[in-house]
N, C-alpha and C. Protein backbone atom coordinates (compact mmCIF):
# COMPACT_ATOMS: atom_id res chain seq x y z
N MET A 1 127.43 244.23 69.24
CA MET A 1 126.42 243.25 68.89
C MET A 1 126.96 242.22 67.90
N GLU A 2 127.92 242.65 67.08
CA GLU A 2 128.46 241.73 66.09
C GLU A 2 129.28 240.62 66.75
N LEU A 3 129.78 240.84 67.93
CA LEU A 3 130.56 239.83 68.61
C LEU A 3 129.68 238.84 69.37
N LEU A 4 128.50 239.25 69.78
CA LEU A 4 127.63 238.39 70.58
C LEU A 4 127.07 237.22 69.77
N LEU A 5 126.76 237.44 68.53
CA LEU A 5 126.21 236.35 67.71
C LEU A 5 127.19 235.19 67.53
N PRO A 6 128.45 235.42 67.15
CA PRO A 6 129.37 234.29 67.05
C PRO A 6 129.61 233.59 68.39
N ILE A 7 129.71 234.37 69.47
CA ILE A 7 129.91 233.75 70.79
C ILE A 7 128.70 232.90 71.16
N GLY A 8 127.52 233.41 70.90
CA GLY A 8 126.31 232.64 71.19
C GLY A 8 126.22 231.37 70.35
N LEU A 9 126.60 231.47 69.08
CA LEU A 9 126.57 230.28 68.21
C LEU A 9 127.60 229.24 68.64
N VAL A 10 128.78 229.69 69.07
CA VAL A 10 129.78 228.75 69.56
C VAL A 10 129.27 228.06 70.83
N MET A 11 128.60 228.81 71.70
CA MET A 11 128.06 228.20 72.92
C MET A 11 126.96 227.19 72.60
N VAL A 12 126.08 227.53 71.67
CA VAL A 12 125.02 226.59 71.27
C VAL A 12 125.65 225.34 70.65
N GLY A 13 126.65 225.51 69.82
CA GLY A 13 127.34 224.37 69.23
C GLY A 13 128.04 223.53 70.28
N PHE A 14 128.64 224.18 71.28
CA PHE A 14 129.31 223.45 72.36
C PHE A 14 128.31 222.63 73.17
N PHE A 15 127.19 223.22 73.50
CA PHE A 15 126.16 222.49 74.25
C PHE A 15 125.60 221.33 73.43
N THR A 16 125.41 221.56 72.15
CA THR A 16 124.93 220.50 71.27
C THR A 16 125.96 219.37 71.16
N GLY A 17 127.22 219.72 71.04
CA GLY A 17 128.28 218.72 71.00
C GLY A 17 128.36 217.93 72.29
N THR A 18 128.15 218.60 73.41
CA THR A 18 128.12 217.91 74.70
C THR A 18 126.99 216.91 74.76
N LEU A 19 125.82 217.30 74.29
CA LEU A 19 124.67 216.40 74.28
C LEU A 19 124.93 215.19 73.38
N VAL A 20 125.41 215.44 72.18
CA VAL A 20 125.67 214.34 71.24
C VAL A 20 126.75 213.41 71.80
N PHE A 21 127.82 213.97 72.35
CA PHE A 21 128.90 213.15 72.90
C PHE A 21 128.40 212.27 74.05
N SER A 22 127.61 212.83 74.94
CA SER A 22 127.16 212.05 76.09
C SER A 22 126.19 210.94 75.69
N ARG A 23 125.27 211.24 74.79
CA ARG A 23 124.30 210.22 74.38
C ARG A 23 124.96 209.12 73.55
N VAL A 24 125.82 209.49 72.62
CA VAL A 24 126.50 208.49 71.80
C VAL A 24 127.49 207.70 72.65
N GLY A 25 128.16 208.35 73.59
CA GLY A 25 129.06 207.66 74.49
C GLY A 25 128.35 206.64 75.35
N GLN A 26 127.17 207.00 75.84
CA GLN A 26 126.40 206.05 76.64
C GLN A 26 125.94 204.87 75.78
N TRP A 27 125.57 205.12 74.55
CA TRP A 27 125.16 204.04 73.65
C TRP A 27 126.32 203.10 73.35
N VAL A 28 127.49 203.66 73.07
CA VAL A 28 128.67 202.84 72.80
C VAL A 28 129.06 202.03 74.04
N ALA A 29 128.99 202.65 75.21
CA ALA A 29 129.31 201.93 76.45
C ALA A 29 128.33 200.79 76.70
N THR A 30 127.07 201.00 76.38
CA THR A 30 126.07 199.94 76.54
C THR A 30 126.36 198.78 75.60
N LEU A 31 126.66 199.08 74.35
CA LEU A 31 127.00 198.02 73.40
C LEU A 31 128.27 197.28 73.82
N TYR A 32 129.24 198.01 74.34
CA TYR A 32 130.48 197.39 74.81
C TYR A 32 130.19 196.42 75.96
N GLU A 33 129.38 196.84 76.90
CA GLU A 33 129.06 195.96 78.03
C GLU A 33 128.28 194.73 77.58
N LEU A 34 127.40 194.90 76.62
CA LEU A 34 126.66 193.75 76.11
C LEU A 34 127.58 192.77 75.38
N LEU A 35 128.54 193.29 74.65
CA LEU A 35 129.48 192.42 73.93
C LEU A 35 130.50 191.78 74.87
N LYS A 36 130.81 192.46 75.96
CA LYS A 36 131.79 191.96 76.92
C LYS A 36 131.23 190.83 77.78
N ASP A 37 129.91 190.77 77.91
CA ASP A 37 129.27 189.76 78.74
C ASP A 37 129.57 188.37 78.18
N HIS A 38 130.24 187.54 78.98
CA HIS A 38 130.65 186.22 78.51
C HIS A 38 129.81 185.10 79.12
N THR A 39 128.64 185.40 79.58
CA THR A 39 127.79 184.35 80.12
C THR A 39 127.28 183.49 78.97
N GLU A 40 126.84 182.32 79.31
CA GLU A 40 126.36 181.38 78.30
C GLU A 40 124.98 181.81 77.80
N VAL A 41 124.97 182.49 76.67
CA VAL A 41 123.72 182.88 76.02
C VAL A 41 123.80 182.49 74.56
N ARG A 42 122.65 182.25 74.00
CA ARG A 42 122.60 181.90 72.58
C ARG A 42 122.95 183.12 71.74
N ALA A 43 123.42 182.86 70.54
CA ALA A 43 123.81 183.94 69.62
C ALA A 43 122.60 184.80 69.25
N SER A 44 121.44 184.16 69.10
CA SER A 44 120.25 184.93 68.74
C SER A 44 119.83 185.84 69.89
N SER A 45 120.04 185.39 71.12
CA SER A 45 119.71 186.22 72.28
C SER A 45 120.64 187.43 72.36
N ARG A 46 121.93 187.20 72.10
CA ARG A 46 122.89 188.31 72.12
C ARG A 46 122.58 189.30 71.00
N ALA A 47 122.24 188.79 69.82
CA ALA A 47 121.90 189.67 68.71
C ALA A 47 120.64 190.47 69.03
N GLY A 48 119.68 189.83 69.66
CA GLY A 48 118.46 190.54 70.05
C GLY A 48 118.74 191.64 71.04
N LYS A 49 119.65 191.39 71.99
CA LYS A 49 120.02 192.43 72.96
C LYS A 49 120.70 193.60 72.27
N LEU A 50 121.59 193.30 71.33
CA LEU A 50 122.30 194.37 70.62
C LEU A 50 121.36 195.20 69.76
N VAL A 51 120.42 194.52 69.09
CA VAL A 51 119.46 195.25 68.25
C VAL A 51 118.55 196.11 69.11
N SER A 52 118.06 195.55 70.21
CA SER A 52 117.17 196.34 71.06
C SER A 52 117.91 197.50 71.71
N ALA A 53 119.16 197.28 72.10
CA ALA A 53 119.94 198.39 72.67
C ALA A 53 120.20 199.47 71.64
N SER A 54 120.36 199.08 70.38
CA SER A 54 120.61 200.07 69.33
C SER A 54 119.34 200.84 68.97
N LEU A 55 118.23 200.15 68.92
CA LEU A 55 116.99 200.82 68.53
C LEU A 55 116.37 201.64 69.66
N LEU A 56 116.54 201.21 70.89
CA LEU A 56 115.90 201.90 72.01
C LEU A 56 116.78 202.97 72.64
N SER A 57 118.04 202.99 72.29
CA SER A 57 118.95 204.00 72.83
C SER A 57 118.81 205.29 72.03
N SER A 58 119.14 206.39 72.66
CA SER A 58 119.04 207.67 71.96
C SER A 58 120.28 207.96 71.12
N GLY A 59 121.34 207.18 71.28
CA GLY A 59 122.60 207.44 70.56
C GLY A 59 122.48 207.47 69.05
N PRO A 60 121.99 206.38 68.43
CA PRO A 60 121.92 206.42 66.97
C PRO A 60 120.92 207.44 66.44
N TRP A 61 119.86 207.66 67.19
CA TRP A 61 118.83 208.61 66.73
C TRP A 61 119.35 210.04 66.81
N ILE A 62 120.12 210.34 67.83
CA ILE A 62 120.64 211.70 67.93
C ILE A 62 121.71 211.96 66.88
N ILE A 63 122.43 210.91 66.46
CA ILE A 63 123.38 211.05 65.34
C ILE A 63 122.61 211.40 64.07
N ILE A 64 121.50 210.72 63.83
CA ILE A 64 120.69 210.99 62.64
C ILE A 64 120.17 212.42 62.66
N VAL A 65 119.65 212.86 63.81
CA VAL A 65 119.14 214.22 63.93
C VAL A 65 120.26 215.24 63.71
N ALA A 66 121.44 214.99 64.28
CA ALA A 66 122.56 215.93 64.12
C ALA A 66 123.01 216.01 62.67
N VAL A 67 123.04 214.88 61.98
CA VAL A 67 123.47 214.88 60.56
C VAL A 67 122.45 215.61 59.69
N VAL A 68 121.16 215.38 59.92
CA VAL A 68 120.13 216.07 59.14
C VAL A 68 120.17 217.57 59.41
N PHE A 69 120.33 217.95 60.68
CA PHE A 69 120.43 219.37 61.02
C PHE A 69 121.66 219.99 60.36
N ALA A 70 122.80 219.29 60.43
CA ALA A 70 124.02 219.82 59.83
C ALA A 70 123.87 219.97 58.32
N TYR A 71 123.18 219.04 57.69
CA TYR A 71 122.95 219.12 56.25
C TYR A 71 122.15 220.37 55.88
N HIS A 72 121.19 220.72 56.73
CA HIS A 72 120.34 221.87 56.42
C HIS A 72 120.98 223.21 56.74
N VAL A 73 121.93 223.26 57.66
CA VAL A 73 122.51 224.56 58.02
C VAL A 73 123.92 224.76 57.47
N VAL A 74 124.47 223.78 56.77
CA VAL A 74 125.85 223.89 56.31
C VAL A 74 126.04 225.06 55.34
N SER A 75 125.01 225.45 54.63
CA SER A 75 125.15 226.53 53.65
C SER A 75 124.92 227.92 54.26
N LYS A 76 124.55 227.98 55.51
CA LYS A 76 124.32 229.28 56.16
C LYS A 76 125.65 229.93 56.49
N PRO A 77 125.72 231.27 56.44
CA PRO A 77 127.00 231.94 56.72
C PRO A 77 127.43 231.83 58.19
N TRP A 78 126.51 231.61 59.10
CA TRP A 78 126.84 231.52 60.51
C TRP A 78 127.12 230.09 60.96
N ALA A 79 127.03 229.13 60.06
CA ALA A 79 127.18 227.72 60.44
C ALA A 79 128.59 227.40 60.91
N VAL A 80 129.59 228.12 60.44
CA VAL A 80 130.96 227.82 60.83
C VAL A 80 131.14 227.99 62.34
N TRP A 81 130.48 228.97 62.93
CA TRP A 81 130.59 229.18 64.38
C TRP A 81 129.90 228.05 65.15
N LEU A 82 128.78 227.61 64.65
CA LEU A 82 128.05 226.51 65.28
C LEU A 82 128.88 225.23 65.21
N PHE A 83 129.46 224.94 64.06
CA PHE A 83 130.27 223.73 63.91
C PHE A 83 131.57 223.82 64.71
N ALA A 84 132.12 225.03 64.86
CA ALA A 84 133.33 225.20 65.67
C ALA A 84 133.06 224.84 67.12
N GLY A 85 131.93 225.29 67.65
CA GLY A 85 131.57 224.94 69.02
C GLY A 85 131.29 223.46 69.17
N PHE A 86 130.62 222.88 68.18
CA PHE A 86 130.31 221.45 68.21
C PHE A 86 131.59 220.62 68.21
N CYS A 87 132.48 220.91 67.28
CA CYS A 87 133.74 220.17 67.19
C CYS A 87 134.61 220.42 68.41
N GLY A 88 134.57 221.62 68.93
CA GLY A 88 135.33 221.92 70.15
C GLY A 88 134.86 221.08 71.32
N ALA A 89 133.56 220.91 71.45
CA ALA A 89 133.03 220.09 72.54
C ALA A 89 133.45 218.64 72.38
N ILE A 90 133.38 218.12 71.16
CA ILE A 90 133.76 216.73 70.92
C ILE A 90 135.23 216.53 71.27
N VAL A 91 136.10 217.46 70.86
CA VAL A 91 137.53 217.35 71.15
C VAL A 91 137.79 217.43 72.65
N VAL A 92 137.17 218.39 73.32
CA VAL A 92 137.37 218.56 74.76
C VAL A 92 136.95 217.30 75.52
N PHE A 93 135.80 216.77 75.21
CA PHE A 93 135.32 215.61 75.96
C PHE A 93 136.02 214.32 75.57
N CYS A 94 136.52 214.22 74.35
CA CYS A 94 137.35 213.06 73.99
C CYS A 94 138.66 213.09 74.78
N LEU A 95 139.30 214.24 74.83
CA LEU A 95 140.54 214.36 75.60
C LEU A 95 140.30 214.11 77.08
N LEU A 96 139.21 214.63 77.62
CA LEU A 96 138.88 214.40 79.02
C LEU A 96 138.61 212.92 79.29
N SER A 97 137.93 212.27 78.40
CA SER A 97 137.64 210.83 78.55
C SER A 97 138.93 210.01 78.50
N ILE A 98 139.82 210.35 77.59
CA ILE A 98 141.09 209.62 77.49
C ILE A 98 141.91 209.83 78.77
N TYR A 99 141.95 211.05 79.25
CA TYR A 99 142.69 211.34 80.48
C TYR A 99 142.12 210.56 81.66
N LEU A 100 140.81 210.56 81.82
CA LEU A 100 140.20 209.85 82.94
C LEU A 100 140.35 208.34 82.82
N ALA A 101 140.30 207.81 81.59
CA ALA A 101 140.51 206.38 81.41
C ALA A 101 141.94 205.98 81.75
N ARG A 102 142.91 206.78 81.35
CA ARG A 102 144.31 206.49 81.69
C ARG A 102 144.55 206.60 83.19
N LYS A 103 143.92 207.57 83.81
CA LYS A 103 144.06 207.75 85.26
C LYS A 103 143.46 206.56 86.00
N ALA A 104 142.32 206.07 85.56
CA ALA A 104 141.69 204.92 86.19
C ALA A 104 142.52 203.66 85.98
N ALA A 105 143.10 203.50 84.80
CA ALA A 105 143.94 202.32 84.52
C ALA A 105 145.19 202.37 85.40
N ALA A 106 145.78 203.54 85.58
CA ALA A 106 146.96 203.67 86.44
C ALA A 106 146.61 203.35 87.89
N ALA A 107 145.44 203.79 88.34
CA ALA A 107 145.01 203.49 89.70
C ALA A 107 144.76 201.99 89.89
N ARG A 108 144.21 201.33 88.87
CA ARG A 108 144.01 199.88 88.96
C ARG A 108 145.34 199.13 89.02
N ARG A 109 146.31 199.57 88.22
CA ARG A 109 147.63 198.93 88.25
C ARG A 109 148.31 199.15 89.60
N GLU A 110 148.16 200.34 90.15
CA GLU A 110 148.77 200.65 91.44
C GLU A 110 148.13 199.83 92.56
N ASN A 111 146.83 199.65 92.49
CA ASN A 111 146.15 198.88 93.53
C ASN A 111 146.42 197.38 93.38
N ALA A 112 146.71 196.91 92.16
CA ALA A 112 146.98 195.50 91.95
C ALA A 112 148.36 195.12 92.44
N ALA A 113 149.27 196.07 92.47
CA ALA A 113 150.65 195.76 92.87
C ALA A 113 150.81 195.67 94.36
């Protein structure tokens, strides 16, 4: 029974890290696409789009919730297992994202040649 609790906490942390990574990643990708758009728009219109995308997206709000939750559980003795799973998920999905981005860039270069 003593082994099941740490494994369960690592799994919960991993799932939470997956959720945070996906929502924040989608928010960052949305902001990137809005900034990349080079159509003729006024600066106030672009700023309005960025503000609305930031306020209506779940990315910044889930960061706030995760930070408040982490603040409240950091002093618990079992928190290290939860944070290990969370950080593990972030590392795994960052590495996976970098790998897939490099693979896509290589495929684009190969198709362009």
